[in-house]
Full PDB file with SEQRES, HELIX, SHEET, SSBOND, CRYST1, ORIGX, SCALE, CONECT and MASTER records, all heavy atoms in Angstrom:
SEQRES   1 A   37  LEU LEU ALA GLY ILE ARG THR ARG GLY GLN ASP ARG SER          
SEQRES   2 A   37  TRP TRP LEU GLU VAL LEU GLU GLY LEU ALA GLY ILE ALA          
SEQRES   3 A   37  ALA GLY VAL ALA ALA LEU VAL LEU PRO PRO GLU                  
HELIX    1 AA1 LEU A    2  ARG A    6  1                                   5    
HELIX    2 AA2 TRP A   14  LEU A   32  1                                  19    
CRYST1    1.000    1.000    1.000  90.00  90.00  90.00 P 1           1          
ORIGX1      1.000000  0.000000  0.000000        0.00000                         
ORIGX2      0.000000  1.000000  0.000000        0.00000                         
ORIGX3      0.000000  0.000000  1.000000        0.00000                         
SCALE1      1.000000  0.000000  0.000000        0.00000                         
SCALE2      0.000000  1.000000  0.000000        0.00000                         
SCALE3      0.000000  0.000000  1.000000        0.00000                         
ATOM      1  N   LEU A   1      56.989  20.425 135.563  1.00  0.00           N  
ATOM      2  CA  LEU A   1      57.409  20.959 136.865  1.00  0.00           C  
ATOM      3  C   LEU A   1      58.284  19.949 137.613  1.00  0.00           C  
ATOM      4  O   LEU A   1      59.320  20.310 138.192  1.00  0.00           O  
ATOM      5  CB  LEU A   1      56.171  21.297 137.691  1.00  0.00           C  
ATOM      6  CG  LEU A   1      56.391  21.967 139.047  1.00  0.00           C  
ATOM      7  CD1 LEU A   1      57.088  23.309 138.883  1.00  0.00           C  
ATOM      8  CD2 LEU A   1      55.061  22.140 139.776  1.00  0.00           C  
ATOM      9  N   LEU A   2      57.889  18.679 137.581  1.00  0.00           N  
ATOM     10  CA  LEU A   2      58.670  17.632 138.234  1.00  0.00           C  
ATOM     11  C   LEU A   2      60.052  17.510 137.612  1.00  0.00           C  
ATOM     12  O   LEU A   2      61.068  17.439 138.325  1.00  0.00           O  
ATOM     13  CB  LEU A   2      57.927  16.293 138.129  1.00  0.00           C  
ATOM     14  CG  LEU A   2      58.677  15.067 138.644  1.00  0.00           C  
ATOM     15  CD1 LEU A   2      58.921  15.179 140.142  1.00  0.00           C  
ATOM     16  CD2 LEU A   2      57.889  13.785 138.325  1.00  0.00           C  
ATOM     17  N   ALA A   3      60.107  17.510 136.269  1.00  0.00           N  
ATOM     18  CA  ALA A   3      61.400  17.392 135.588  1.00  0.00           C  
ATOM     19  C   ALA A   3      62.297  18.580 135.923  1.00  0.00           C  
ATOM     20  O   ALA A   3      63.498  18.419 136.148  1.00  0.00           O  
ATOM     21  CB  ALA A   3      61.185  17.290 134.082  1.00  0.00           C  
ATOM     22  N   GLY A   4      61.727  19.783 135.960  1.00  0.00           N  
ATOM     23  CA  GLY A   4      62.521  20.967 136.268  1.00  0.00           C  
ATOM     24  C   GLY A   4      63.084  20.944 137.678  1.00  0.00           C  
ATOM     25  O   GLY A   4      64.259  21.251 137.897  1.00  0.00           O  
ATOM     26  N   ILE A   5      62.248  20.534 138.637  1.00  0.00           N  
ATOM     27  CA  ILE A   5      62.702  20.488 140.030  1.00  0.00           C  
ATOM     28  C   ILE A   5      63.764  19.410 140.215  1.00  0.00           C  
ATOM     29  O   ILE A   5      64.781  19.626 140.887  1.00  0.00           O  
ATOM     30  CB  ILE A   5      61.501  20.243 140.963  1.00  0.00           C  
ATOM     31  CG1 ILE A   5      60.562  21.454 140.947  1.00  0.00           C  
ATOM     32  CG2 ILE A   5      61.969  19.953 142.385  1.00  0.00           C  
ATOM     33  CD1 ILE A   5      59.274  21.250 141.710  1.00  0.00           C  
ATOM     34  N   ARG A   6      63.573  18.243 139.604  1.00  0.00           N  
ATOM     35  CA  ARG A   6      64.500  17.136 139.787  1.00  0.00           C  
ATOM     36  C   ARG A   6      65.847  17.388 139.100  1.00  0.00           C  
ATOM     37  O   ARG A   6      66.849  16.805 139.502  1.00  0.00           O  
ATOM     38  CB  ARG A   6      63.874  15.852 139.253  1.00  0.00           C  
ATOM     39  CG  ARG A   6      62.752  15.311 140.127  1.00  0.00           C  
ATOM     40  CD  ARG A   6      63.241  15.036 141.532  1.00  0.00           C  
ATOM     41  NE  ARG A   6      62.250  14.392 142.364  1.00  0.00           N  
ATOM     42  CZ  ARG A   6      62.174  13.076 142.557  1.00  0.00           C  
ATOM     43  NH1 ARG A   6      63.025  12.274 141.953  1.00  0.00           N  
ATOM     44  NH2 ARG A   6      61.243  12.577 143.351  1.00  0.00           N  
ATOM     45  N   THR A   7      65.869  18.209 138.050  1.00  0.00           N  
ATOM     46  CA  THR A   7      67.141  18.481 137.346  1.00  0.00           C  
ATOM     47  C   THR A   7      67.768  19.798 137.797  1.00  0.00           C  
ATOM     48  O   THR A   7      68.681  20.302 137.147  1.00  0.00           O  
ATOM     49  CB  THR A   7      66.915  18.524 135.821  1.00  0.00           C  
ATOM     50  OG1 THR A   7      65.944  19.542 135.506  1.00  0.00           O  
ATOM     51  CG2 THR A   7      66.417  17.189 135.307  1.00  0.00           C  
ATOM     52  N   ARG A   8      67.314  20.324 138.910  1.00  0.00           N  
ATOM     53  CA  ARG A   8      67.790  21.631 139.367  1.00  0.00           C  
ATOM     54  C   ARG A   8      69.298  21.643 139.594  1.00  0.00           C  
ATOM     55  O   ARG A   8      69.967  22.636 139.327  1.00  0.00           O  
ATOM     56  CB  ARG A   8      67.068  22.012 140.661  1.00  0.00           C  
ATOM     57  CG  ARG A   8      67.412  23.389 141.200  1.00  0.00           C  
ATOM     58  CD  ARG A   8      66.577  23.708 142.403  1.00  0.00           C  
ATOM     59  NE  ARG A   8      66.673  22.651 143.417  1.00  0.00           N  
ATOM     60  CZ  ARG A   8      65.983  22.654 144.552  1.00  0.00           C  
ATOM     61  NH1 ARG A   8      65.119  23.631 144.809  1.00  0.00           N  
ATOM     62  NH2 ARG A   8      66.129  21.677 145.434  1.00  0.00           N  
ATOM     63  N   GLY A   9      69.844  20.537 140.059  1.00  0.00           N  
ATOM     64  CA  GLY A   9      71.275  20.501 140.343  1.00  0.00           C  
ATOM     65  C   GLY A   9      72.147  20.271 139.129  1.00  0.00           C  
ATOM     66  O   GLY A   9      73.336  20.581 139.151  1.00  0.00           O  
ATOM     67  N   GLN A  10      71.567  19.709 138.043  1.00  0.00           N  
ATOM     68  CA  GLN A  10      72.379  19.391 136.870  1.00  0.00           C  
ATOM     69  C   GLN A  10      72.113  20.291 135.673  1.00  0.00           C  
ATOM     70  O   GLN A  10      72.991  20.510 134.849  1.00  0.00           O  
ATOM     71  CB  GLN A  10      72.125  17.937 136.427  1.00  0.00           C  
ATOM     72  CG  GLN A  10      72.449  16.901 137.500  1.00  0.00           C  
ATOM     73  CD  GLN A  10      71.218  16.470 138.266  1.00  0.00           C  
ATOM     74  OE1 GLN A  10      70.105  16.871 137.935  1.00  0.00           O  
ATOM     75  NE2 GLN A  10      71.406  15.661 139.291  1.00  0.00           N  
ATOM     76  N   ASP A  11      70.896  20.798 135.545  1.00  0.00           N  
ATOM     77  CA  ASP A  11      70.488  21.541 134.356  1.00  0.00           C  
ATOM     78  C   ASP A  11      70.334  23.017 134.690  1.00  0.00           C  
ATOM     79  O   ASP A  11      69.516  23.388 135.529  1.00  0.00           O  
ATOM     80  CB  ASP A  11      69.161  20.979 133.833  1.00  0.00           C  
ATOM     81  CG  ASP A  11      68.708  21.639 132.536  1.00  0.00           C  
ATOM     82  OD1 ASP A  11      69.474  22.447 131.983  1.00  0.00           O  
ATOM     83  OD2 ASP A  11      67.592  21.331 132.094  1.00  0.00           O  
ATOM     84  N   ARG A  12      71.134  23.850 134.026  1.00  0.00           N  
ATOM     85  CA  ARG A  12      71.044  25.290 134.283  1.00  0.00           C  
ATOM     86  C   ARG A  12      69.750  25.892 133.756  1.00  0.00           C  
ATOM     87  O   ARG A  12      69.405  27.019 134.094  1.00  0.00           O  
ATOM     88  CB  ARG A  12      72.254  25.993 133.656  1.00  0.00           C  
ATOM     89  CG  ARG A  12      73.572  25.716 134.368  1.00  0.00           C  
ATOM     90  CD  ARG A  12      74.724  26.404 133.682  1.00  0.00           C  
ATOM     91  NE  ARG A  12      74.942  25.867 132.344  1.00  0.00           N  
ATOM     92  CZ  ARG A  12      75.870  26.331 131.500  1.00  0.00           C  
ATOM     93  NH1 ARG A  12      76.621  27.346 131.840  1.00  0.00           N  
ATOM     94  NH2 ARG A  12      76.015  25.778 130.307  1.00  0.00           N  
ATOM     95  N   SER A  13      69.031  25.162 132.919  1.00  0.00           N  
ATOM     96  CA  SER A  13      67.766  25.656 132.367  1.00  0.00           C  
ATOM     97  C   SER A  13      66.564  25.117 133.134  1.00  0.00           C  
ATOM     98  O   SER A  13      65.438  25.198 132.647  1.00  0.00           O  
ATOM     99  CB  SER A  13      67.651  25.258 130.885  1.00  0.00           C  
ATOM    100  OG  SER A  13      68.742  25.742 130.135  1.00  0.00           O  
ATOM    101  N   TRP A  14      66.814  24.590 134.330  1.00  0.00           N  
ATOM    102  CA  TRP A  14      65.725  23.961 135.075  1.00  0.00           C  
ATOM    103  C   TRP A  14      64.586  24.916 135.351  1.00  0.00           C  
ATOM    104  O   TRP A  14      63.413  24.517 135.366  1.00  0.00           O  
ATOM    105  CB  TRP A  14      66.255  23.378 136.391  1.00  0.00           C  
ATOM    106  CG  TRP A  14      66.721  24.428 137.362  1.00  0.00           C  
ATOM    107  CD1 TRP A  14      67.948  24.987 137.439  1.00  0.00           C  
ATOM    108  CD2 TRP A  14      65.924  25.072 138.372  1.00  0.00           C  
ATOM    109  NE1 TRP A  14      67.997  25.928 138.439  1.00  0.00           N  
ATOM    110  CE2 TRP A  14      66.765  26.004 139.035  1.00  0.00           C  
ATOM    111  CE3 TRP A  14      64.606  24.941 138.793  1.00  0.00           C  
ATOM    112  CZ2 TRP A  14      66.312  26.796 140.086  1.00  0.00           C  
ATOM    113  CZ3 TRP A  14      64.156  25.731 139.835  1.00  0.00           C  
ATOM    114  CH2 TRP A  14      65.007  26.640 140.468  1.00  0.00           C  
ATOM    115  N   TRP A  15      64.904  26.192 135.549  1.00  0.00           N  
ATOM    116  CA  TRP A  15      63.857  27.158 135.902  1.00  0.00           C  
ATOM    117  C   TRP A  15      62.911  27.394 134.729  1.00  0.00           C  
ATOM    118  O   TRP A  15      61.724  27.712 134.937  1.00  0.00           O  
ATOM    119  CB  TRP A  15      64.484  28.471 136.359  1.00  0.00           C  
ATOM    120  CG  TRP A  15      65.336  29.144 135.320  1.00  0.00           C  
ATOM    121  CD1 TRP A  15      66.654  28.911 135.061  1.00  0.00           C  
ATOM    122  CD2 TRP A  15      64.906  30.133 134.380  1.00  0.00           C  
ATOM    123  NE1 TRP A  15      67.088  29.701 134.011  1.00  0.00           N  
ATOM    124  CE2 TRP A  15      66.039  30.468 133.585  1.00  0.00           C  
ATOM    125  CE3 TRP A  15      63.692  30.777 134.145  1.00  0.00           C  
ATOM    126  CZ2 TRP A  15      65.973  31.408 132.559  1.00  0.00           C  
ATOM    127  CZ3 TRP A  15      63.626  31.722 133.122  1.00  0.00           C  
ATOM    128  CH2 TRP A  15      64.764  32.020 132.355  1.00  0.00           C  
ATOM    129  N   LEU A  16      63.392  27.209 133.488  1.00  0.00           N  
ATOM    130  CA  LEU A  16      62.510  27.340 132.332  1.00  0.00           C  
ATOM    131  C   LEU A  16      61.488  26.199 132.309  1.00  0.00           C  
ATOM    132  O   LEU A  16      60.311  26.415 131.988  1.00  0.00           O  
ATOM    133  CB  LEU A  16      63.331  27.337 131.044  1.00  0.00           C  
ATOM    134  CG  LEU A  16      64.127  28.611 130.742  1.00  0.00           C  
ATOM    135  CD1 LEU A  16      65.027  28.407 129.527  1.00  0.00           C  
ATOM    136  CD2 LEU A  16      63.188  29.796 130.512  1.00  0.00           C  
ATOM    137  N   GLU A  17      61.934  25.002 132.654  1.00  0.00           N  
ATOM    138  CA  GLU A  17      61.009  23.870 132.728  1.00  0.00           C  
ATOM    139  C   GLU A  17      59.991  24.067 133.840  1.00  0.00           C  
ATOM    140  O   GLU A  17      58.810  23.728 133.688  1.00  0.00           O  
ATOM    141  CB  GLU A  17      61.792  22.581 132.933  1.00  0.00           C  
ATOM    142  CG  GLU A  17      62.734  22.249 131.790  1.00  0.00           C  
ATOM    143  CD  GLU A  17      63.617  21.065 132.116  1.00  0.00           C  
ATOM    144  OE1 GLU A  17      63.076  19.950 132.227  1.00  0.00           O  
ATOM    145  OE2 GLU A  17      64.843  21.251 132.255  1.00  0.00           O  
ATOM    146  N   VAL A  18      60.447  24.605 134.968  1.00  0.00           N  
ATOM    147  CA  VAL A  18      59.528  24.904 136.066  1.00  0.00           C  
ATOM    148  C   VAL A  18      58.503  25.950 135.627  1.00  0.00           C  
ATOM    149  O   VAL A  18      57.298  25.822 135.899  1.00  0.00           O  
ATOM    150  CB  VAL A  18      60.304  25.389 137.306  1.00  0.00           C  
ATOM    151  CG1 VAL A  18      59.349  25.961 138.357  1.00  0.00           C  
ATOM    152  CG2 VAL A  18      61.119  24.248 137.898  1.00  0.00           C  
ATOM    153  N   LEU A  19      58.961  26.984 134.938  1.00  0.00           N  
ATOM    154  CA  LEU A  19      58.063  28.035 134.466  1.00  0.00           C  
ATOM    155  C   LEU A  19      57.044  27.483 133.482  1.00  0.00           C  
ATOM    156  O   LEU A  19      55.851  27.821 133.544  1.00  0.00           O  
ATOM    157  CB  LEU A  19      58.894  29.149 133.806  1.00  0.00           C  
ATOM    158  CG  LEU A  19      58.139  30.420 133.385  1.00  0.00           C  
ATOM    159  CD1 LEU A  19      57.502  31.085 134.588  1.00  0.00           C  
ATOM    160  CD2 LEU A  19      59.090  31.395 132.687  1.00  0.00           C  
ATOM    161  N   GLU A  20      57.502  26.599 132.583  1.00  0.00           N  
ATOM    162  CA  GLU A  20      56.579  25.982 131.629  1.00  0.00           C  
ATOM    163  C   GLU A  20      55.546  25.123 132.353  1.00  0.00           C  
ATOM    164  O   GLU A  20      54.350  25.133 132.019  1.00  0.00           O  
ATOM    165  CB  GLU A  20      57.354  25.135 130.631  1.00  0.00           C  
ATOM    166  CG  GLU A  20      56.472  24.496 129.567  1.00  0.00           C  
ATOM    167  CD  GLU A  20      57.244  23.595 128.627  1.00  0.00           C  
ATOM    168  OE1 GLU A  20      58.457  23.372 128.871  1.00  0.00           O  
ATOM    169  OE2 GLU A  20      56.647  23.109 127.651  1.00  0.00           O  
ATOM    170  N   GLY A  21      55.998  24.381 133.364  1.00  0.00           N  
ATOM    171  CA  GLY A  21      55.074  23.558 134.131  1.00  0.00           C  
ATOM    172  C   GLY A  21      54.029  24.381 134.861  1.00  0.00           C  
ATOM    173  O   GLY A  21      52.836  24.036 134.861  1.00  0.00           O  
ATOM    174  N   LEU A  22      54.450  25.468 135.481  1.00  0.00           N  
ATOM    175  CA  LEU A  22      53.507  26.338 136.181  1.00  0.00           C  
ATOM    176  C   LEU A  22      52.499  26.956 135.211  1.00  0.00           C  
ATOM    177  O   LEU A  22      51.314  27.105 135.554  1.00  0.00           O  
ATOM    178  CB  LEU A  22      54.272  27.437 136.927  1.00  0.00           C  
ATOM    179  CG  LEU A  22      55.119  26.975 138.119  1.00  0.00           C  
ATOM    180  CD1 LEU A  22      55.929  28.139 138.675  1.00  0.00           C  
ATOM    181  CD2 LEU A  22      54.240  26.369 139.203  1.00  0.00           C  
ATOM    182  N   ALA A  23      52.969  27.314 134.007  1.00  0.00           N  
ATOM    183  CA  ALA A  23      52.070  27.889 133.002  1.00  0.00           C  
ATOM    184  C   ALA A  23      51.000  26.875 132.604  1.00  0.00           C  
ATOM    185  O   ALA A  23      49.821  27.222 132.445  1.00  0.00           O  
ATOM    186  CB  ALA A  23      52.861  28.336 131.777  1.00  0.00           C  
ATOM    187  N   GLY A  24      51.400  25.605 132.446  1.00  0.00           N  
ATOM    188  CA  GLY A  24      50.427  24.576 132.096  1.00  0.00           C  
ATOM    189  C   GLY A  24      49.401  24.348 133.190  1.00  0.00           C  
ATOM    190  O   GLY A  24      48.199  24.249 132.924  1.00  0.00           O  
ATOM    191  N   ILE A  25      49.862  24.276 134.436  1.00  0.00           N  
ATOM    192  CA  ILE A  25      48.929  24.074 135.554  1.00  0.00           C  
ATOM    193  C   ILE A  25      47.976  25.258 135.671  1.00  0.00           C  
ATOM    194  O   ILE A  25      46.767  25.079 135.876  1.00  0.00           O  
ATOM    195  CB  ILE A  25      49.724  23.878 136.859  1.00  0.00           C  
ATOM    196  CG1 ILE A  25      50.514  22.569 136.802  1.00  0.00           C  
ATOM    197  CG2 ILE A  25      48.785  23.883 138.058  1.00  0.00           C  
ATOM    198  CD1 ILE A  25      51.467  22.364 137.957  1.00  0.00           C  
ATOM    199  N   ALA A  26      48.502  26.475 135.509  1.00  0.00           N  
ATOM    200  CA  ALA A  26      47.657  27.670 135.598  1.00  0.00           C  
ATOM    201  C   ALA A  26      46.605  27.671 134.492  1.00  0.00           C  
ATOM    202  O   ALA A  26      45.432  28.018 134.730  1.00  0.00           O  
ATOM    203  CB  ALA A  26      48.522  28.931 135.507  1.00  0.00           C  
ATOM    204  N   ALA A  27      46.996  27.260 133.277  1.00  0.00           N  
ATOM    205  CA  ALA A  27      46.036  27.227 132.165  1.00  0.00           C  
ATOM    206  C   ALA A  27      44.949  26.195 132.418  1.00  0.00           C  
ATOM    207  O   ALA A  27      43.759  26.442 132.148  1.00  0.00           O  
ATOM    208  CB  ALA A  27      46.767  26.914 130.857  1.00  0.00           C  
ATOM    209  N   GLY A  28      45.332  25.030 132.953  1.00  0.00           N  
ATOM    210  CA  GLY A  28      44.341  24.002 133.232  1.00  0.00           C  
ATOM    211  C   GLY A  28      43.345  24.430 134.303  1.00  0.00           C  
ATOM    212  O   GLY A  28      42.135  24.222 134.166  1.00  0.00           O  
ATOM    213  N   VAL A  29      43.855  25.032 135.364  1.00  0.00           N  
ATOM    214  CA  VAL A  29      42.973  25.510 136.432  1.00  0.00           C  
ATOM    215  C   VAL A  29      42.066  26.620 135.926  1.00  0.00           C  
ATOM    216  O   VAL A  29      40.863  26.658 136.240  1.00  0.00           O  
ATOM    217  CB  VAL A  29      43.812  25.991 137.635  1.00  0.00           C  
ATOM    218  CG1 VAL A  29      42.918  26.663 138.672  1.00  0.00           C  
ATOM    219  CG2 VAL A  29      44.578  24.830 138.256  1.00  0.00           C  
ATOM    220  N   ALA A  30      42.642  27.534 135.122  1.00  0.00           N  
ATOM    221  CA  ALA A  30      41.834  28.629 134.569  1.00  0.00           C  
ATOM    222  C   ALA A  30      40.701  28.093 133.704  1.00  0.00           C  
ATOM    223  O   ALA A  30      39.572  28.612 133.741  1.00  0.00           O  
ATOM    224  CB  ALA A  30      42.727  29.568 133.757  1.00  0.00           C  
ATOM    225  N   ALA A  31      40.977  27.039 132.930  1.00  0.00           N  
ATOM    226  CA  ALA A  31      39.932  26.462 132.084  1.00  0.00           C  
ATOM    227  C   ALA A  31      38.801  25.873 132.921  1.00  0.00           C  
ATOM    228  O   ALA A  31      37.622  25.953 132.537  1.00  0.00           O  
ATOM    229  CB  ALA A  31      40.527  25.385 131.176  1.00  0.00           C  
ATOM    230  N   LEU A  32      39.129  25.315 134.077  1.00  0.00           N  
ATOM    231  CA  LEU A  32      38.111  24.688 134.919  1.00  0.00           C  
ATOM    232  C   LEU A  32      37.204  25.703 135.606  1.00  0.00           C  
ATOM    233  O   LEU A  32      36.059  25.380 135.939  1.00  0.00           O  
ATOM    234  CB  LEU A  32      38.782  23.804 135.981  1.00  0.00           C  
ATOM    235  CG  LEU A  32      39.447  22.524 135.482  1.00  0.00           C  
ATOM    236  CD1 LEU A  32      40.159  21.815 136.622  1.00  0.00           C  
ATOM    237  CD2 LEU A  32      38.412  21.598 134.840  1.00  0.00           C  
ATOM    238  N   VAL A  33      37.707  26.917 135.838  1.00  0.00           N  
ATOM    239  CA  VAL A  33      36.911  27.914 136.577  1.00  0.00           C  
ATOM    240  C   VAL A  33      36.286  28.954 135.650  1.00  0.00           C  
ATOM    241  O   VAL A  33      35.789  29.975 136.118  1.00  0.00           O  
ATOM    242  CB  VAL A  33      37.783  28.615 137.644  1.00  0.00           C  
ATOM    243  CG1 VAL A  33      38.329  27.605 138.641  1.00  0.00           C  
ATOM    244  CG2 VAL A  33      38.944  29.381 136.997  1.00  0.00           C  
ATOM    245  N   LEU A  34      36.287  28.700 134.348  1.00  0.00           N  
ATOM    246  CA  LEU A  34      35.693  29.661 133.411  1.00  0.00           C  
ATOM    247  C   LEU A  34      34.190  29.782 133.642  1.00  0.00           C  
ATOM    248  O   LEU A  34      33.502  28.769 133.823  1.00  0.00           O  
ATOM    249  CB  LEU A  34      35.946  29.218 131.970  1.00  0.00           C  
ATOM    250  CG  LEU A  34      37.389  29.285 131.467  1.00  0.00           C  
ATOM    251  CD1 LEU A  34      37.494  28.680 130.070  1.00  0.00           C  
ATOM    252  CD2 LEU A  34      37.885  30.724 131.450  1.00  0.00           C  
ATOM    253  N   PRO A  35      33.654  31.006 133.627  1.00  0.00           N  
ATOM    254  CA  PRO A  35      32.206  31.188 133.740  1.00  0.00           C  
ATOM    255  C   PRO A  35      31.493  30.549 132.554  1.00  0.00           C  
ATOM    256  O   PRO A  35      31.944  30.687 131.408  1.00  0.00           O  
ATOM    257  CB  PRO A  35      32.037  32.721 133.716  1.00  0.00           C  
ATOM    258  CG  PRO A  35      33.368  33.259 134.108  1.00  0.00           C  
ATOM    259  CD  PRO A  35      34.378  32.285 133.576  1.00  0.00           C  
ATOM    260  N   PRO A  36      30.408  29.836 132.776  1.00  0.00           N  
ATOM    261  CA  PRO A  36      29.726  29.123 131.683  1.00  0.00           C  
ATOM    262  C   PRO A  36      29.306  30.030 130.533  1.00  0.00           C  
ATOM    263  O   PRO A  36      29.308  29.605 129.372  1.00  0.00           O  
ATOM    264  CB  PRO A  36      28.499  28.507 132.383  1.00  0.00           C  
ATOM    265  CG  PRO A  36      28.885  28.428 133.822  1.00  0.00           C  
ATOM    266  CD  PRO A  36      29.779  29.605 134.075  1.00  0.00           C  
ATOM    267  N   GLU A  37      28.922  31.283 130.838  1.00  0.00           N  
ATOM    268  CA  GLU A  37      28.393  32.160 129.780  1.00  0.00           C  
ATOM    269  C   GLU A  37      29.474  32.630 128.806  1.00  0.00           C  
ATOM    270  O   GLU A  37      29.155  33.071 127.699  1.00  0.00           O  
ATOM    271  CB  GLU A  37      27.682  33.365 130.392  1.00  0.00           C  
ATOM    272  CG  GLU A  37      28.566  34.261 131.275  1.00  0.00           C  
ATOM    273  CD  GLU A  37      28.625  33.790 132.708  1.00  0.00           C  
ATOM    274  OE1 GLU A  37      28.194  32.656 132.977  1.00  0.00           O  
ATOM    275  OE2 GLU A  37      29.104  34.571 133.553  1.00  0.00           O  
TER     276      GLU A  37                                                      
MASTER        0    0    0    2    0    0    0    6  275    1    0    3          
END                                                                             
């Protein structure tokens, strides 16, 4: 996410890096809130 935001002005694919970063953060948070059962 940091790399995507920082390269927004130079890299036309910055939004893909941002999307990948958000997907990783969402997966990590989802893993932490999983019901124990």
